[in-house]
Each structure stands twice: as C-alpha cells, then as structure tokens.
Amino acid sequence: MTEGQIKFRVMVEDYPQIACYWDFDVMEAKVSSSEGLPLSRGERLMVDFFLSVWFNRNQNFDFIDAAGVLSSDNRHVIMEWFLAPFWP
C-alpha cells in the first residue's frame, strides 16, 4: 500500500459502519455514492467525503451541509484532511 492508501485506511477504519464499503485487500470502493445506504444523514455525509477523497473528485459531498450536520469530531476529521490532503 502507498502512504496515501495507508492514511486513508486508518481514517476510514475509525468508522466501522462505513469501512465495510471498502475492500482494502483489492483497494476498491464497493459503492460510488451514499445514496440508498442504510446510514444516518451524518454517516452518509462522511461516506460522501471519503468517496471524494478516494476518487479525487467530488462525490456529492456538500461542505456547507456537513458543517451544519456533522459532529465536532467528524468535522475535525475533515479539517485535518483539508489541512494536509492526501489521496489513496
């Protein structure tokens, strides 16, 4: 795994209910959108954020919506990435 892949895996594995949507053995996302996933609104926002990082393009992640919905801990994860971005 590359350094970016390792960082991404560590970041996502803090979210077991979301990490299941990635297969790190073959390095692929099992979904391309959070639409229809059996998750809370905040969890779907985090999936969209993780997918955006994974694919290195916006995957329906709404920064303003995230600021109003996500917990402080989740916003912190996003801001840490924003301050030192990496891509898997």
N, C-alpha and C. Protein backbone atom coordinates (compact mmCIF):
# COMPACT_ATOMS: atom_id res chain seq x y z
N MET A 1 0.84 -1.19 0.00
CA MET A 1 0.00 0.00 0.00
C MET A 1 0.88 1.24 0.00
N THR A 2 0.39 2.27 -0.67
CA THR A 2 1.09 3.55 -0.66
C THR A 2 0.82 4.25 0.67
N GLU A 3 1.58 5.30 0.92
CA GLU A 3 1.38 6.07 2.15
C GLU A 3 -0.03 6.67 2.19
N GLY A 4 -0.52 7.17 1.06
CA GLY A 4 -1.87 7.72 0.99
C GLY A 4 -2.93 6.67 1.26
N GLN A 5 -2.73 5.47 0.74
CA GLN A 5 -3.67 4.38 0.96
C GLN A 5 -3.70 3.98 2.43
N ILE A 6 -2.55 3.95 3.05
CA ILE A 6 -2.48 3.61 4.48
C ILE A 6 -3.19 4.67 5.31
N LYS A 7 -2.93 5.95 5.03
CA LYS A 7 -3.59 7.03 5.77
C LYS A 7 -5.11 6.95 5.60
N PHE A 8 -5.54 6.69 4.37
CA PHE A 8 -6.98 6.61 4.11
C PHE A 8 -7.59 5.44 4.88
N ARG A 9 -6.95 4.30 4.83
CA ARG A 9 -7.47 3.13 5.54
C ARG A 9 -7.59 3.40 7.03
N VAL A 10 -6.58 4.00 7.62
CA VAL A 10 -6.61 4.33 9.05
C VAL A 10 -7.77 5.29 9.34
N MET A 11 -7.95 6.28 8.48
CA MET A 11 -9.00 7.27 8.67
C MET A 11 -10.38 6.61 8.60
N VAL A 12 -10.60 5.77 7.59
CA VAL A 12 -11.91 5.14 7.41
C VAL A 12 -12.17 4.06 8.45
N GLU A 13 -11.16 3.36 8.88
CA GLU A 13 -11.37 2.28 9.86
C GLU A 13 -11.83 2.79 11.21
N ASP A 14 -11.75 4.09 11.45
CA ASP A 14 -12.33 4.67 12.66
C ASP A 14 -13.86 4.68 12.58
N TYR A 15 -14.40 4.32 11.41
CA TYR A 15 -15.84 4.30 11.15
C TYR A 15 -16.23 2.90 10.66
N PRO A 16 -16.34 1.92 11.56
CA PRO A 16 -16.61 0.55 11.12
C PRO A 16 -17.90 0.41 10.30
N GLN A 17 -18.92 1.23 10.60
CA GLN A 17 -20.17 1.15 9.85
C GLN A 17 -20.00 1.68 8.43
N ILE A 18 -18.90 2.38 8.17
CA ILE A 18 -18.60 2.92 6.84
C ILE A 18 -17.48 2.13 6.18
N ALA A 19 -16.52 1.67 6.94
CA ALA A 19 -15.36 0.95 6.40
C ALA A 19 -15.77 -0.29 5.61
N CYS A 20 -16.91 -0.85 5.94
CA CYS A 20 -17.37 -2.05 5.23
C CYS A 20 -17.66 -1.79 3.76
N TYR A 21 -17.71 -0.54 3.35
CA TYR A 21 -17.96 -0.19 1.95
C TYR A 21 -16.66 -0.09 1.14
N TRP A 22 -15.54 -0.46 1.75
CA TRP A 22 -14.25 -0.51 1.07
C TRP A 22 -13.66 -1.90 1.20
N ASP A 23 -13.00 -2.35 0.17
CA ASP A 23 -12.25 -3.61 0.21
C ASP A 23 -10.78 -3.24 0.08
N PHE A 24 -10.10 -3.21 1.20
CA PHE A 24 -8.70 -2.77 1.21
C PHE A 24 -7.75 -3.85 0.72
N ASP A 25 -8.22 -5.09 0.62
CA ASP A 25 -7.37 -6.14 0.06
C ASP A 25 -7.14 -5.92 -1.43
N VAL A 26 -8.16 -5.43 -2.12
CA VAL A 26 -8.02 -5.17 -3.55
C VAL A 26 -8.06 -3.68 -3.87
N MET A 27 -8.11 -2.86 -2.82
CA MET A 27 -8.08 -1.40 -2.93
C MET A 27 -9.19 -0.87 -3.85
N GLU A 28 -10.43 -1.16 -3.47
CA GLU A 28 -11.54 -0.60 -4.22
C GLU A 28 -12.72 -0.27 -3.31
N ALA A 29 -13.46 0.74 -3.74
CA ALA A 29 -14.70 1.10 -3.06
C ALA A 29 -15.80 0.19 -3.59
N LYS A 30 -16.66 -0.25 -2.69
CA LYS A 30 -17.78 -1.12 -3.09
C LYS A 30 -18.99 -0.31 -3.52
N VAL A 31 -18.97 0.99 -3.26
CA VAL A 31 -20.07 1.89 -3.63
C VAL A 31 -19.48 3.11 -4.32
N SER A 32 -20.30 3.82 -5.06
CA SER A 32 -19.85 5.07 -5.69
C SER A 32 -20.65 6.26 -5.19
N SER A 33 -21.60 5.98 -4.29
CA SER A 33 -22.45 7.02 -3.74
C SER A 33 -23.01 6.53 -2.40
N SER A 34 -23.38 7.49 -1.57
CA SER A 34 -24.01 7.12 -0.29
C SER A 34 -25.52 6.94 -0.45
N GLU A 35 -26.03 7.27 -1.62
CA GLU A 35 -27.47 7.19 -1.86
C GLU A 35 -28.00 5.78 -1.61
N GLY A 36 -29.01 5.70 -0.78
CA GLY A 36 -29.66 4.43 -0.50
C GLY A 36 -28.99 3.58 0.57
N LEU A 37 -27.85 4.02 1.08
CA LEU A 37 -27.19 3.24 2.12
C LEU A 37 -27.96 3.35 3.44
N PRO A 38 -28.02 2.28 4.21
CA PRO A 38 -28.78 2.28 5.47
C PRO A 38 -27.99 2.96 6.60
N LEU A 39 -27.72 4.25 6.42
CA LEU A 39 -26.92 5.01 7.36
C LEU A 39 -27.64 6.30 7.73
N SER A 40 -27.21 6.91 8.81
CA SER A 40 -27.76 8.20 9.21
C SER A 40 -27.29 9.27 8.21
N ARG A 41 -27.92 10.42 8.28
CA ARG A 41 -27.53 11.54 7.39
C ARG A 41 -26.06 11.90 7.57
N GLY A 42 -25.61 11.97 8.82
CA GLY A 42 -24.21 12.29 9.09
C GLY A 42 -23.26 11.23 8.56
N GLU A 43 -23.64 9.97 8.72
CA GLU A 43 -22.80 8.89 8.19
C GLU A 43 -22.74 8.94 6.66
N ARG A 44 -23.86 9.25 6.02
CA ARG A 44 -23.85 9.37 4.55
C ARG A 44 -22.97 10.53 4.11
N LEU A 45 -22.98 11.62 4.87
CA LEU A 45 -22.08 12.74 4.55
C LEU A 45 -20.62 12.31 4.66
N MET A 46 -20.31 11.52 5.67
CA MET A 46 -18.94 11.04 5.82
C MET A 46 -18.57 10.09 4.67
N VAL A 47 -19.51 9.24 4.26
CA VAL A 47 -19.26 8.37 3.10
C VAL A 47 -18.96 9.23 1.88
N ASP A 48 -19.76 10.28 1.65
CA ASP A 48 -19.51 11.16 0.50
C ASP A 48 -18.14 11.82 0.60
N PHE A 49 -17.75 12.22 1.79
CA PHE A 49 -16.41 12.80 1.97
C PHE A 49 -15.35 11.76 1.65
N PHE A 50 -15.45 10.57 2.23
CA PHE A 50 -14.46 9.53 1.98
C PHE A 50 -14.41 9.15 0.51
N LEU A 51 -15.56 9.05 -0.15
CA LEU A 51 -15.58 8.74 -1.57
C LEU A 51 -14.91 9.85 -2.38
N SER A 52 -15.11 11.09 -1.98
CA SER A 52 -14.48 12.22 -2.68
C SER A 52 -12.96 12.15 -2.57
N VAL A 53 -12.48 11.81 -1.40
CA VAL A 53 -11.03 11.63 -1.23
C VAL A 53 -10.56 10.44 -2.05
N TRP A 54 -11.28 9.33 -1.96
CA TRP A 54 -10.91 8.10 -2.66
C TRP A 54 -10.78 8.31 -4.17
N PHE A 55 -11.81 8.97 -4.75
CA PHE A 55 -11.84 9.15 -6.20
C PHE A 55 -11.15 10.44 -6.66
N ASN A 56 -10.69 11.25 -5.70
CA ASN A 56 -10.00 12.51 -6.00
C ASN A 56 -10.89 13.44 -6.85
N ARG A 57 -12.18 13.43 -6.53
CA ARG A 57 -13.14 14.34 -7.15
C ARG A 57 -14.40 14.34 -6.28
N ASN A 58 -15.17 15.39 -6.38
CA ASN A 58 -16.36 15.50 -5.54
C ASN A 58 -17.35 14.39 -5.86
N GLN A 59 -17.75 13.68 -4.84
CA GLN A 59 -18.75 12.61 -4.94
C GLN A 59 -19.98 13.03 -4.13
N ASN A 60 -20.53 14.17 -4.49
CA ASN A 60 -21.76 14.67 -3.86
C ASN A 60 -21.54 15.10 -2.41
N PHE A 61 -20.30 15.47 -2.06
CA PHE A 61 -20.04 15.96 -0.70
C PHE A 61 -20.36 17.44 -0.63
N ASP A 62 -21.23 17.82 0.29
CA ASP A 62 -21.64 19.21 0.47
C ASP A 62 -21.01 19.75 1.75
N PHE A 63 -20.01 20.59 1.58
CA PHE A 63 -19.24 21.13 2.71
C PHE A 63 -20.14 21.92 3.66
N ILE A 64 -21.05 22.72 3.13
CA ILE A 64 -21.94 23.54 3.96
C ILE A 64 -22.91 22.65 4.75
N ASP A 65 -23.47 21.67 4.08
CA ASP A 65 -24.36 20.72 4.77
C ASP A 65 -23.60 20.00 5.87
N ALA A 66 -22.39 19.58 5.57
CA ALA A 66 -21.57 18.87 6.56
C ALA A 66 -21.31 19.74 7.79
N ALA A 67 -21.04 21.02 7.56
CA ALA A 67 -20.76 21.92 8.68
C ALA A 67 -21.96 22.04 9.63
N GLY A 68 -23.14 21.96 9.07
CA GLY A 68 -24.34 22.09 9.89
C GLY A 68 -24.84 20.81 10.51
N VAL A 69 -24.40 19.67 9.99
CA VAL A 69 -24.95 18.38 10.43
C VAL A 69 -23.97 17.57 11.26
N LEU A 70 -22.71 17.56 10.85
CA LEU A 70 -21.74 16.64 11.46
C LEU A 70 -21.33 17.05 12.86
N SER A 71 -20.95 16.06 13.64
CA SER A 71 -20.43 16.31 14.99
C SER A 71 -19.08 17.00 14.89
N SER A 72 -18.67 17.57 15.98
CA SER A 72 -17.36 18.22 16.05
C SER A 72 -16.23 17.24 15.68
N ASP A 73 -16.33 16.01 16.16
CA ASP A 73 -15.30 15.00 15.85
C ASP A 73 -15.22 14.72 14.36
N ASN A 74 -16.37 14.60 13.70
CA ASN A 74 -16.37 14.34 12.26
C ASN A 74 -15.86 15.54 11.48
N ARG A 75 -16.25 16.75 11.89
CA ARG A 75 -15.73 17.95 11.23
C ARG A 75 -14.22 18.05 11.40
N HIS A 76 -13.74 17.61 12.55
CA HIS A 76 -12.30 17.63 12.80
C HIS A 76 -11.56 16.69 11.83
N VAL A 77 -12.11 15.52 11.57
CA VAL A 77 -11.50 14.57 10.62
C VAL A 77 -11.38 15.24 9.25
N ILE A 78 -12.45 15.90 8.82
CA ILE A 78 -12.44 16.56 7.51
C ILE A 78 -11.43 17.70 7.49
N MET A 79 -11.39 18.49 8.54
CA MET A 79 -10.46 19.63 8.57
C MET A 79 -9.01 19.16 8.64
N GLU A 80 -8.74 18.09 9.35
CA GLU A 80 -7.38 17.55 9.37
C GLU A 80 -6.95 17.13 7.98
N TRP A 81 -7.86 16.50 7.24
CA TRP A 81 -7.54 16.13 5.87
C TRP A 81 -7.35 17.38 5.01
N PHE A 82 -8.23 18.37 5.20
CA PHE A 82 -8.15 19.61 4.42
C PHE A 82 -6.82 20.32 4.63
N LEU A 83 -6.30 20.28 5.84
CA LEU A 83 -5.03 20.95 6.15
C LEU A 83 -3.82 20.20 5.61
N ALA A 84 -3.95 18.89 5.46
CA ALA A 84 -2.85 18.06 4.93
C ALA A 84 -3.44 16.99 4.02
N PRO A 85 -3.94 17.38 2.84
CA PRO A 85 -4.65 16.42 1.98
C PRO A 85 -3.73 15.32 1.44
N PHE A 86 -4.34 14.20 1.24
CA PHE A 86 -3.65 13.03 0.63
C PHE A 86 -4.72 12.28 -0.14
N TRP A 87 -4.27 11.47 -1.09
CA TRP A 87 -5.19 10.65 -1.88
C TRP A 87 -4.66 9.24 -1.93
N PRO A 88 -5.56 8.26 -1.81
CA PRO A 88 -5.12 6.86 -1.84
C PRO A 88 -4.76 6.40 -3.27
